Amino acid sequence: MCQPPLSPTFVQSSPNQNTNTNTNTNTNNVQQYLHFRGKEDSTSVRPTYMENQTHINERMRAILVDWLVEVHLKFKLVPETLYLTVNLIDRYLERKEVERPKLQLIGVTCLLIASKYEEIYPPELRDLVYVCDRAYSGNEIIDMEEKVLKALEYQITIPSAHAFLVRYLKAAHADKKIVQLACYVLDGTLQSYNLLHYLPSQLAAASVFIARRCVGRNSWSPTLLKYAEYCEEEVVPVARAVLAEKNSTSPELRAVSKKYTSNRYGGVANTALVCDF
């Protein structure tokens, strides 16, 4: 199950806590959320950067992300690591022209950087060399790590779509089924270059919207309006775009569907996603 982790940023205050503590916690949570919303634009990219790439295209990017979903699952890494990895890749490709043989190297290097940032026990370098079928040496990965970090000016912290999803799922009082469905939908957005038109918070809101609709809950709620600061009319177009991209995904890109077909994730990939809105 893609269970949202408990985080001080997103945890609701308990009614049994001291009133002053509640007030301070809620104020900090709101301030942090507003900070995340204010920062997400500067740490996101738009689907125009491929115009500056002469050797790679959006399909190659999708294949790379599909492979990274499998590697991420193989190493049993936390969700944030995957989202940070893809963000680092996009931000690097936005700044640097890349030759096709180096694309996987950039992908595995960004996974290493994200793992060092998010994981208690990141994968060892030799394991990353192995999953690449030894196409790159450990030294090549280390050299690329330096290039990526310098290109991004060591700006690694991001407000990811998954971080927003955690907040929205708590606000939605989501049960296990909704959590799994929302994670399934949101993971599927990572492969789509076109969905870079939308901010992480918008994609997270759309994923919760779709998941709630699939299980027969009201699509949106006053609580979600309060904590997401998106009204239903703002979420609907994004949800439509997410489902349209999902329906047009190449059948070769199966990593997300395969992951969420398993019992561990509730088999939610077999659920028909409602698109009657």
C-alpha atoms as a PDB file:
ATOM      1  CA  MET A   1       0.000   0.000   0.000  1.00  0.00           C
ATOM      2  CA  CYS A   2       1.247   3.463  -0.881  1.00  0.00           C
ATOM      3  CA  GLN A   3       0.589   4.764   2.590  1.00  0.00           C
ATOM      4  CA  PRO A   4       1.212   8.491   3.035  1.00  0.00           C
ATOM      5  CA  PRO A   5       3.884   8.943   5.698  1.00  0.00           C
ATOM      6  CA  LEU A   6       3.161  10.952   8.801  1.00  0.00           C
ATOM      7  CA  SER A   7       4.822  14.304   8.438  1.00  0.00           C
ATOM      8  CA  PRO A   8       4.746  17.328  10.757  1.00  0.00           C
ATOM      9  CA  THR A   9       3.886  19.427   7.725  1.00  0.00           C
ATOM     10  CA  PHE A  10       0.635  17.649   7.056  1.00  0.00           C
ATOM     11  CA  VAL A  11      -0.580  16.089  10.327  1.00  0.00           C
ATOM     12  CA  GLN A  12      -3.830  17.491  11.651  1.00  0.00           C
ATOM     13  CA  SER A  13      -3.820  18.617  15.261  1.00  0.00           C
ATOM     14  CA  SER A  14      -5.498  16.353  17.776  1.00  0.00           C
ATOM     15  CA  PRO A  15      -8.523  17.800  19.609  1.00  0.00           C
ATOM     16  CA  ASN A  16      -6.966  16.521  22.848  1.00  0.00           C
ATOM     17  CA  GLN A  17      -3.893  18.710  22.473  1.00  0.00           C
ATOM     18  CA  ASN A  18      -3.459  22.008  24.258  1.00  0.00           C
ATOM     19  CA  THR A  19      -5.309  24.822  22.449  1.00  0.00           C
ATOM     20  CA  ASN A  20      -2.188  26.972  22.166  1.00  0.00           C
ATOM     21  CA  THR A  21      -0.264  24.040  20.738  1.00  0.00           C
ATOM     22  CA  ASN A  22      -3.075  23.425  18.233  1.00  0.00           C
ATOM     23  CA  THR A  23      -3.033  27.042  17.129  1.00  0.00           C
ATOM     24  CA  ASN A  24       0.749  27.117  16.721  1.00  0.00           C
ATOM     25  CA  THR A  25       0.801  23.815  14.855  1.00  0.00           C
ATOM     26  CA  ASN A  26      -1.994  24.817  12.508  1.00  0.00           C
ATOM     27  CA  THR A  27      -0.364  28.175  11.833  1.00  0.00           C
ATOM     28  CA  ASN A  28       2.948  26.501  11.033  1.00  0.00           C
ATOM     29  CA  ASN A  29       1.219  23.975   8.785  1.00  0.00           C
ATOM     30  CA  VAL A  30      -0.559  26.702   6.845  1.00  0.00           C
ATOM     31  CA  GLN A  31       2.626  28.734   6.500  1.00  0.00           C
ATOM     32  CA  GLN A  32       4.577  25.719   5.314  1.00  0.00           C
ATOM     33  CA  TYR A  33       1.882  24.800   2.813  1.00  0.00           C
ATOM     34  CA  LEU A  34       1.808  28.334   1.438  1.00  0.00           C
ATOM     35  CA  HIS A  35       5.603  28.202   1.187  1.00  0.00           C
ATOM     36  CA  PHE A  36       5.373  24.946  -0.783  1.00  0.00           C
ATOM     37  CA  ARG A  37       2.721  26.388  -3.086  1.00  0.00           C
ATOM     38  CA  GLY A  38       4.851  29.467  -3.643  1.00  0.00           C
ATOM     39  CA  LYS A  39       7.953  27.446  -4.418  1.00  0.00           C
ATOM     40  CA  GLU A  40       6.523  24.749  -6.684  1.00  0.00           C
ATOM     41  CA  ASP A  41       6.557  26.946  -9.779  1.00  0.00           C
ATOM     42  CA  SER A  42      10.281  27.636  -9.471  1.00  0.00           C
ATOM     43  CA  THR A  43      11.163  23.943  -9.026  1.00  0.00           C
ATOM     44  CA  SER A  44       8.945  22.715 -11.874  1.00  0.00           C
ATOM     45  CA  VAL A  45       9.583  22.599 -15.612  1.00  0.00           C
ATOM     46  CA  ARG A  46       7.250  23.046 -18.561  1.00  0.00           C
ATOM     47  CA  PRO A  47       6.856  20.710 -21.560  1.00  0.00           C
ATOM     48  CA  THR A  48       8.838  22.918 -23.908  1.00  0.00           C
ATOM     49  CA  TYR A  49      12.371  21.966 -22.953  1.00  0.00           C
ATOM     50  CA  MET A  50      12.485  19.063 -25.421  1.00  0.00           C
ATOM     51  CA  GLU A  51      12.547  21.653 -28.197  1.00  0.00           C
ATOM     52  CA  ASN A  52      16.159  22.279 -27.183  1.00  0.00           C
ATOM     53  CA  GLN A  53      17.065  18.582 -27.192  1.00  0.00           C
ATOM     54  CA  THR A  54      18.267  17.277 -30.562  1.00  0.00           C
ATOM     55  CA  HIS A  55      19.103  13.687 -29.568  1.00  0.00           C
ATOM     56  CA  ILE A  56      16.244  12.702 -27.243  1.00  0.00           C
ATOM     57  CA  ASN A  57      12.465  13.159 -27.167  1.00  0.00           C
ATOM     58  CA  GLU A  58       9.486  12.785 -24.840  1.00  0.00           C
ATOM     59  CA  ARG A  59       9.033   9.103 -25.711  1.00  0.00           C
ATOM     60  CA  MET A  60      12.590   8.336 -24.583  1.00  0.00           C
ATOM     61  CA  ARG A  61      11.873  10.230 -21.386  1.00  0.00           C
ATOM     62  CA  ALA A  62       8.742   8.120 -20.809  1.00  0.00           C
ATOM     63  CA  ILE A  63      10.700   4.883 -21.338  1.00  0.00           C
ATOM     64  CA  LEU A  64      13.345   6.066 -18.867  1.00  0.00           C
ATOM     65  CA  VAL A  65      10.743   6.916 -16.210  1.00  0.00           C
ATOM     66  CA  ASP A  66       9.027   3.561 -16.776  1.00  0.00           C
ATOM     67  CA  TRP A  67      12.332   1.807 -16.106  1.00  0.00           C
ATOM     68  CA  LEU A  68      12.972   3.947 -13.034  1.00  0.00           C
ATOM     69  CA  VAL A  69       9.571   2.971 -11.600  1.00  0.00           C
ATOM     70  CA  GLU A  70      10.703  -0.664 -11.800  1.00  0.00           C
ATOM     71  CA  VAL A  71      14.099   0.080 -10.247  1.00  0.00           C
ATOM     72  CA  HIS A  72      12.493   2.156  -7.492  1.00  0.00           C
ATOM     73  CA  LEU A  73      10.177  -0.749  -6.670  1.00  0.00           C
ATOM     74  CA  LYS A  74      13.025  -3.269  -6.802  1.00  0.00           C
ATOM     75  CA  PHE A  75      15.027  -1.308  -4.223  1.00  0.00           C
ATOM     76  CA  LYS A  76      11.904  -0.702  -2.069  1.00  0.00           C
ATOM     77  CA  LEU A  77      12.496   3.034  -1.902  1.00  0.00           C
ATOM     78  CA  VAL A  78      10.099   5.614  -0.438  1.00  0.00           C
ATOM     79  CA  PRO A  79       7.669   7.409  -2.792  1.00  0.00           C
ATOM     80  CA  GLU A  80       9.382  10.790  -2.415  1.00  0.00           C
ATOM     81  CA  THR A  81      12.569   9.334  -3.917  1.00  0.00           C
ATOM     82  CA  LEU A  82      10.816   8.519  -7.186  1.00  0.00           C
ATOM     83  CA  TYR A  83       9.194  11.941  -7.492  1.00  0.00           C
ATOM     84  CA  LEU A  84      12.425  13.744  -6.697  1.00  0.00           C
ATOM     85  CA  THR A  85      14.312  11.577  -9.206  1.00  0.00           C
ATOM     86  CA  VAL A  86      11.985  12.519 -12.062  1.00  0.00           C
ATOM     87  CA  ASN A  87      12.070  16.189 -11.074  1.00  0.00           C
ATOM     88  CA  LEU A  88      15.883  16.204 -11.079  1.00  0.00           C
ATOM     89  CA  ILE A  89      15.934  14.577 -14.517  1.00  0.00           C
ATOM     90  CA  ASP A  90      13.556  17.146 -15.984  1.00  0.00           C
ATOM     91  CA  ARG A  91      15.361  20.100 -14.458  1.00  0.00           C
ATOM     92  CA  TYR A  92      18.711  18.836 -15.725  1.00  0.00           C
ATOM     93  CA  LEU A  93      17.368  18.187 -19.235  1.00  0.00           C
ATOM     94  CA  GLU A  94      15.895  21.676 -19.231  1.00  0.00           C
ATOM     95  CA  ARG A  95      19.390  23.098 -18.709  1.00  0.00           C
ATOM     96  CA  LYS A  96      21.682  20.716 -20.592  1.00  0.00           C
ATOM     97  CA  GLU A  97      21.549  19.072 -23.992  1.00  0.00           C
ATOM     98  CA  VAL A  98      21.964  15.310 -23.650  1.00  0.00           C
ATOM     99  CA  GLU A  99      22.967  12.598 -26.092  1.00  0.00           C
ATOM    100  CA  ARG A 100      20.779   9.507 -26.227  1.00  0.00           C
ATOM    101  CA  PRO A 101      23.387   7.031 -24.849  1.00  0.00           C
ATOM    102  CA  LYS A 102      23.746   9.205 -21.735  1.00  0.00           C
ATOM    103  CA  LEU A 103      20.044   9.437 -20.884  1.00  0.00           C
ATOM    104  CA  GLN A 104      19.936   6.299 -18.731  1.00  0.00           C
ATOM    105  CA  LEU A 105      23.124   7.431 -16.992  1.00  0.00           C
ATOM    106  CA  ILE A 106      21.398  10.692 -16.048  1.00  0.00           C
ATOM    107  CA  GLY A 107      18.378   8.738 -14.846  1.00  0.00           C
ATOM    108  CA  VAL A 108      20.303   6.404 -12.559  1.00  0.00           C
ATOM    109  CA  THR A 109      22.447   9.295 -11.310  1.00  0.00           C
ATOM    110  CA  CYS A 110      19.363  11.318 -10.370  1.00  0.00           C
ATOM    111  CA  LEU A 111      18.030   8.233  -8.590  1.00  0.00           C
ATOM    112  CA  LEU A 112      21.280   8.110  -6.606  1.00  0.00           C
ATOM    113  CA  ILE A 113      21.030  11.798  -5.669  1.00  0.00           C
ATOM    114  CA  ALA A 114      17.381  11.475  -4.674  1.00  0.00           C
ATOM    115  CA  SER A 115      18.116   8.342  -2.636  1.00  0.00           C
ATOM    116  CA  LYS A 116      20.901  10.067  -0.730  1.00  0.00           C
ATOM    117  CA  TYR A 117      18.480  12.897   0.030  1.00  0.00           C
ATOM    118  CA  GLU A 118      15.406  10.847   0.985  1.00  0.00           C
ATOM    119  CA  GLU A 119      16.498   7.388   2.088  1.00  0.00           C
ATOM    120  CA  ILE A 120      18.022   6.161   5.336  1.00  0.00           C
ATOM    121  CA  TYR A 121      19.850   3.449   3.391  1.00  0.00           C
ATOM    122  CA  PRO A 122      20.282   4.491  -0.252  1.00  0.00           C
ATOM    123  CA  PRO A 123      21.223   1.846  -2.853  1.00  0.00           C
ATOM    124  CA  GLU A 124      24.915   1.103  -3.111  1.00  0.00           C
ATOM    125  CA  LEU A 125      26.798   2.289  -6.173  1.00  0.00           C
ATOM    126  CA  ARG A 126      27.559  -1.269  -7.276  1.00  0.00           C
ATOM    127  CA  ASP A 127      23.833  -2.080  -7.251  1.00  0.00           C
ATOM    128  CA  LEU A 128      23.100   0.885  -9.512  1.00  0.00           C
ATOM    129  CA  VAL A 129      25.832  -0.254 -11.891  1.00  0.00           C
ATOM    130  CA  TYR A 130      24.223  -3.709 -11.917  1.00  0.00           C
ATOM    131  CA  VAL A 131      20.679  -2.488 -12.732  1.00  0.00           C
ATOM    132  CA  CYS A 132      22.121  -0.646 -15.730  1.00  0.00           C
ATOM    133  CA  ASP A 133      23.560  -3.965 -16.997  1.00  0.00           C
ATOM    134  CA  ARG A 134      26.993  -2.445 -16.441  1.00  0.00           C
ATOM    135  CA  ALA A 135      26.452   0.028 -19.258  1.00  0.00           C
ATOM    136  CA  TYR A 136      28.125   2.616 -17.023  1.00  0.00           C
ATOM    137  CA  SER A 137      30.860   2.347 -14.436  1.00  0.00           C
ATOM    138  CA  GLY A 138      30.661   3.587 -10.882  1.00  0.00           C
ATOM    139  CA  ASN A 139      33.068   6.393 -11.751  1.00  0.00           C
ATOM    140  CA  GLU A 140      30.835   7.526 -14.604  1.00  0.00           C
ATOM    141  CA  ILE A 141      27.876   7.736 -12.225  1.00  0.00           C
ATOM    142  CA  ILE A 142      29.919   9.706  -9.675  1.00  0.00           C
ATOM    143  CA  ASP A 143      31.157  12.090 -12.392  1.00  0.00           C
ATOM    144  CA  MET A 144      27.606  12.611 -13.635  1.00  0.00           C
ATOM    145  CA  GLU A 145      26.426  13.211 -10.077  1.00  0.00           C
ATOM    146  CA  GLU A 146      28.771  16.181  -9.839  1.00  0.00           C
ATOM    147  CA  LYS A 147      27.586  17.531 -13.210  1.00  0.00           C
ATOM    148  CA  VAL A 148      23.917  17.252 -12.264  1.00  0.00           C
ATOM    149  CA  LEU A 149      24.370  18.915  -8.874  1.00  0.00           C
ATOM    150  CA  LYS A 150      26.379  21.779 -10.372  1.00  0.00           C
ATOM    151  CA  ALA A 151      23.855  22.286 -13.174  1.00  0.00           C
ATOM    152  CA  LEU A 152      21.040  22.490 -10.609  1.00  0.00           C
ATOM    153  CA  GLU A 153      23.168  24.672  -8.319  1.00  0.00           C
ATOM    154  CA  TYR A 154      22.666  22.086  -5.559  1.00  0.00           C
ATOM    155  CA  GLN A 155      18.961  22.988  -5.302  1.00  0.00           C
ATOM    156  CA  ILE A 156      17.496  19.597  -4.382  1.00  0.00           C
ATOM    157  CA  THR A 157      14.584  20.368  -2.051  1.00  0.00           C
ATOM    158  CA  ILE A 158      11.258  20.462  -3.889  1.00  0.00           C
ATOM    159  CA  PRO A 159       7.550  20.478  -3.006  1.00  0.00           C
ATOM    160  CA  SER A 160       6.695  17.277  -4.859  1.00  0.00           C
ATOM    161  CA  ALA A 161       3.307  16.108  -6.081  1.00  0.00           C
ATOM    162  CA  HIS A 162       3.482  13.293  -3.532  1.00  0.00           C
ATOM    163  CA  ALA A 163       4.007  15.754  -0.682  1.00  0.00           C
ATOM    164  CA  PHE A 164       0.842  17.580  -1.733  1.00  0.00           C
ATOM    165  CA  LEU A 165      -0.958  14.254  -2.107  1.00  0.00           C
ATOM    166  CA  VAL A 166      -0.222  13.391   1.523  1.00  0.00           C
ATOM    167  CA  ARG A 167      -1.879  16.597   2.698  1.00  0.00           C
ATOM    168  CA  TYR A 168      -4.911  16.180   0.454  1.00  0.00           C
ATOM    169  CA  LEU A 169      -5.481  12.539   1.419  1.00  0.00           C
ATOM    170  CA  LYS A 170      -5.489  13.473   5.083  1.00  0.00           C
ATOM    171  CA  ALA A 171      -7.918  16.317   4.409  1.00  0.00           C
ATOM    172  CA  ALA A 172     -10.104  13.909   2.433  1.00  0.00           C
ATOM    173  CA  HIS A 173     -10.172  11.386   5.321  1.00  0.00           C
ATOM    174  CA  ALA A 174      -9.113   8.839   2.696  1.00  0.00           C
ATOM    175  CA  ASP A 175      -9.515   5.135   3.319  1.00  0.00           C
ATOM    176  CA  LYS A 176      -7.068   2.509   2.060  1.00  0.00           C
ATOM    177  CA  LYS A 177      -8.758   2.156  -1.323  1.00  0.00           C
ATOM    178  CA  ILE A 178      -8.697   5.889  -2.041  1.00  0.00           C
ATOM    179  CA  VAL A 179      -5.056   6.133  -0.969  1.00  0.00           C
ATOM    180  CA  GLN A 180      -4.054   3.307  -3.305  1.00  0.00           C
ATOM    181  CA  LEU A 181      -6.081   4.655  -6.219  1.00  0.00           C
ATOM    182  CA  ALA A 182      -4.752   8.197  -5.797  1.00  0.00           C
ATOM    183  CA  CYS A 183      -1.161   6.937  -5.632  1.00  0.00           C
ATOM    184  CA  TYR A 184      -1.760   4.819  -8.741  1.00  0.00           C
ATOM    185  CA  VAL A 185      -3.112   7.774 -10.690  1.00  0.00           C
ATOM    186  CA  LEU A 186      -0.381  10.143  -9.516  1.00  0.00           C
ATOM    187  CA  ASP A 187       2.448   7.682 -10.239  1.00  0.00           C
ATOM    188  CA  GLY A 188       1.068   7.393 -13.761  1.00  0.00           C
ATOM    189  CA  THR A 189       1.516  11.125 -14.340  1.00  0.00           C
ATOM    190  CA  LEU A 190       5.292  10.853 -13.961  1.00  0.00           C
ATOM    191  CA  GLN A 191       5.728   9.343 -17.423  1.00  0.00           C
ATOM    192  CA  SER A 192       3.753  12.059 -19.175  1.00  0.00           C
ATOM    193  CA  TYR A 193       5.744  14.932 -20.620  1.00  0.00           C
ATOM    194  CA  ASN A 194       2.516  16.766 -21.522  1.00  0.00           C
ATOM    195  CA  LEU A 195       1.364  16.843 -17.897  1.00  0.00           C
ATOM    196  CA  LEU A 196       4.326  19.046 -17.036  1.00  0.00           C
ATOM    197  CA  HIS A 197       1.909  21.824 -18.023  1.00  0.00           C
ATOM    198  CA  TYR A 198       0.440  21.419 -14.539  1.00  0.00           C
ATOM    199  CA  LEU A 199       1.890  22.134 -11.120  1.00  0.00           C
ATOM    200  CA  PRO A 200       2.535  19.263  -8.682  1.00  0.00           C
ATOM    201  CA  SER A 201      -0.251  20.475  -6.383  1.00  0.00           C
ATOM    202  CA  GLN A 202      -2.710  20.429  -9.296  1.00  0.00           C
ATOM    203  CA  LEU A 203      -1.791  16.862 -10.262  1.00  0.00           C
ATOM    204  CA  ALA A 204      -2.119  15.743  -6.648  1.00  0.00           C
ATOM    205  CA  ALA A 205      -5.546  17.360  -6.347  1.00  0.00           C
ATOM    206  CA  ALA A 206      -6.667  15.725  -9.611  1.00  0.00           C
ATOM    207  CA  SER A 207      -5.503  12.311  -8.388  1.00  0.00           C
ATOM    208  CA  VAL A 208      -7.567  12.609  -5.194  1.00  0.00           C
ATOM    209  CA  PHE A 209     -10.542  13.835  -7.226  1.00  0.00           C
ATOM    210  CA  ILE A 210     -10.379  10.818  -9.561  1.00  0.00           C
ATOM    211  CA  ALA A 211      -9.874   8.346  -6.716  1.00  0.00           C
ATOM    212  CA  ARG A 212     -12.843   9.681  -4.736  1.00  0.00           C
ATOM    213  CA  ARG A 213     -15.057   9.553  -7.796  1.00  0.00           C
ATOM    214  CA  CYS A 214     -14.027   5.956  -8.529  1.00  0.00           C
ATOM    215  CA  VAL A 215     -15.219   4.754  -5.119  1.00  0.00           C
ATOM    216  CA  GLY A 216     -18.473   6.707  -5.212  1.00  0.00           C
ATOM    217  CA  ARG A 217     -17.488   9.500  -2.823  1.00  0.00           C
ATOM    218  CA  ASN A 218     -18.293  13.137  -3.530  1.00  0.00           C
ATOM    219  CA  SER A 219     -15.624  14.341  -5.931  1.00  0.00           C
ATOM    220  CA  TRP A 220     -14.575  17.270  -3.746  1.00  0.00           C
ATOM    221  CA  SER A 221     -15.463  18.563  -0.302  1.00  0.00           C
ATOM    222  CA  PRO A 222     -15.380  21.764   1.771  1.00  0.00           C
ATOM    223  CA  THR A 223     -12.443  20.320   3.736  1.00  0.00           C
ATOM    224  CA  LEU A 224     -10.472  19.702   0.545  1.00  0.00           C
ATOM    225  CA  LEU A 225     -11.317  23.196  -0.636  1.00  0.00           C
ATOM    226  CA  LYS A 226      -9.927  24.572   2.615  1.00  0.00           C
ATOM    227  CA  TYR A 227      -6.708  22.535   2.724  1.00  0.00           C
ATOM    228  CA  ALA A 228      -5.936  22.301  -0.997  1.00  0.00           C
ATOM    229  CA  GLU A 229      -7.130  25.809  -1.820  1.00  0.00           C
ATOM    230  CA  TYR A 230      -8.501  24.519  -5.126  1.00  0.00           C
ATOM    231  CA  CYS A 231     -12.191  24.518  -5.907  1.00  0.00           C
ATOM    232  CA  GLU A 232     -13.750  21.643  -7.839  1.00  0.00           C
ATOM    233  CA  GLU A 233     -14.059  23.722 -11.012  1.00  0.00           C
ATOM    234  CA  GLU A 234     -10.277  24.212 -11.000  1.00  0.00           C
ATOM    235  CA  VAL A 235      -9.552  20.516 -10.469  1.00  0.00           C
ATOM    236  CA  VAL A 236     -11.877  19.066 -13.129  1.00  0.00           C
ATOM    237  CA  PRO A 237      -9.862  20.184 -16.218  1.00  0.00           C
ATOM    238  CA  VAL A 238      -6.663  18.786 -14.714  1.00  0.00           C
ATOM    239  CA  ALA A 239      -8.376  15.483 -13.878  1.00  0.00           C
ATOM    240  CA  ARG A 240      -9.625  15.245 -17.454  1.00  0.00           C
ATOM    241  CA  ALA A 241      -6.116  15.847 -18.775  1.00  0.00           C
ATOM    242  CA  VAL A 242      -4.675  13.194 -16.438  1.00  0.00           C
ATOM    243  CA  LEU A 243      -7.183  10.575 -17.600  1.00  0.00           C
ATOM    244  CA  ALA A 244      -6.685  11.521 -21.255  1.00  0.00           C
ATOM    245  CA  GLU A 245      -2.939  11.014 -20.905  1.00  0.00           C
ATOM    246  CA  LYS A 246      -3.479   7.720 -19.109  1.00  0.00           C
ATOM    247  CA  ASN A 247      -5.750   6.444 -21.856  1.00  0.00           C
ATOM    248  CA  SER A 248      -3.189   7.377 -24.513  1.00  0.00           C
ATOM    249  CA  THR A 249      -0.224   5.782 -22.738  1.00  0.00           C
ATOM    250  CA  SER A 250       1.684   3.273 -24.845  1.00  0.00           C
ATOM    251  CA  PRO A 251       0.967  -0.332 -23.780  1.00  0.00           C
ATOM    252  CA  GLU A 252       4.739  -0.858 -23.678  1.00  0.00           C
ATOM    253  CA  LEU A 253       4.957   1.401 -20.628  1.00  0.00           C
ATOM    254  CA  ARG A 254       3.652  -1.075 -18.085  1.00  0.00           C
ATOM    255  CA  ALA A 255       5.677  -0.471 -14.924  1.00  0.00           C
ATOM    256  CA  VAL A 256       3.039   1.558 -13.047  1.00  0.00           C
ATOM    257  CA  SER A 257       0.182  -0.749 -14.030  1.00  0.00           C
ATOM    258  CA  LYS A 258       2.241  -3.815 -13.137  1.00  0.00           C
ATOM    259  CA  LYS A 259       3.110  -2.322  -9.746  1.00  0.00           C
ATOM    260  CA  TYR A 260      -0.496  -1.529  -8.872  1.00  0.00           C
ATOM    261  CA  THR A 261      -1.863  -4.822 -10.184  1.00  0.00           C
ATOM    262  CA  SER A 262      -0.132  -6.610  -7.313  1.00  0.00           C
ATOM    263  CA  ASN A 263      -1.956  -7.443  -4.087  1.00  0.00           C
ATOM    264  CA  ARG A 264       0.530  -5.325  -2.156  1.00  0.00           C
ATOM    265  CA  TYR A 265      -1.041  -2.244  -3.752  1.00  0.00           C
ATOM    266  CA  GLY A 266      -4.606  -3.530  -3.651  1.00  0.00           C
ATOM    267  CA  GLY A 267      -4.731  -4.477  -7.315  1.00  0.00           C
ATOM    268  CA  VAL A 268      -6.160  -1.032  -8.041  1.00  0.00           C
ATOM    269  CA  ALA A 269      -4.757  -1.005 -11.573  1.00  0.00           C
ATOM    270  CA  ASN A 270      -7.674  -3.300 -12.431  1.00  0.00           C
ATOM    271  CA  THR A 271     -10.162  -0.637 -11.319  1.00  0.00           C
ATOM    272  CA  ALA A 272     -11.945   1.230 -14.097  1.00  0.00           C
ATOM    273  CA  LEU A 273     -11.160   4.922 -13.689  1.00  0.00           C
ATOM    274  CA  VAL A 274     -14.337   6.981 -13.886  1.00  0.00           C
ATOM    275  CA  CYS A 275     -14.195   9.782 -16.450  1.00  0.00           C
ATOM    276  CA  ASP A 276     -17.837  10.926 -16.520  1.00  0.00           C
ATOM    277  CA  PHE A 277     -17.141  14.521 -15.595  1.00  0.00           C
END
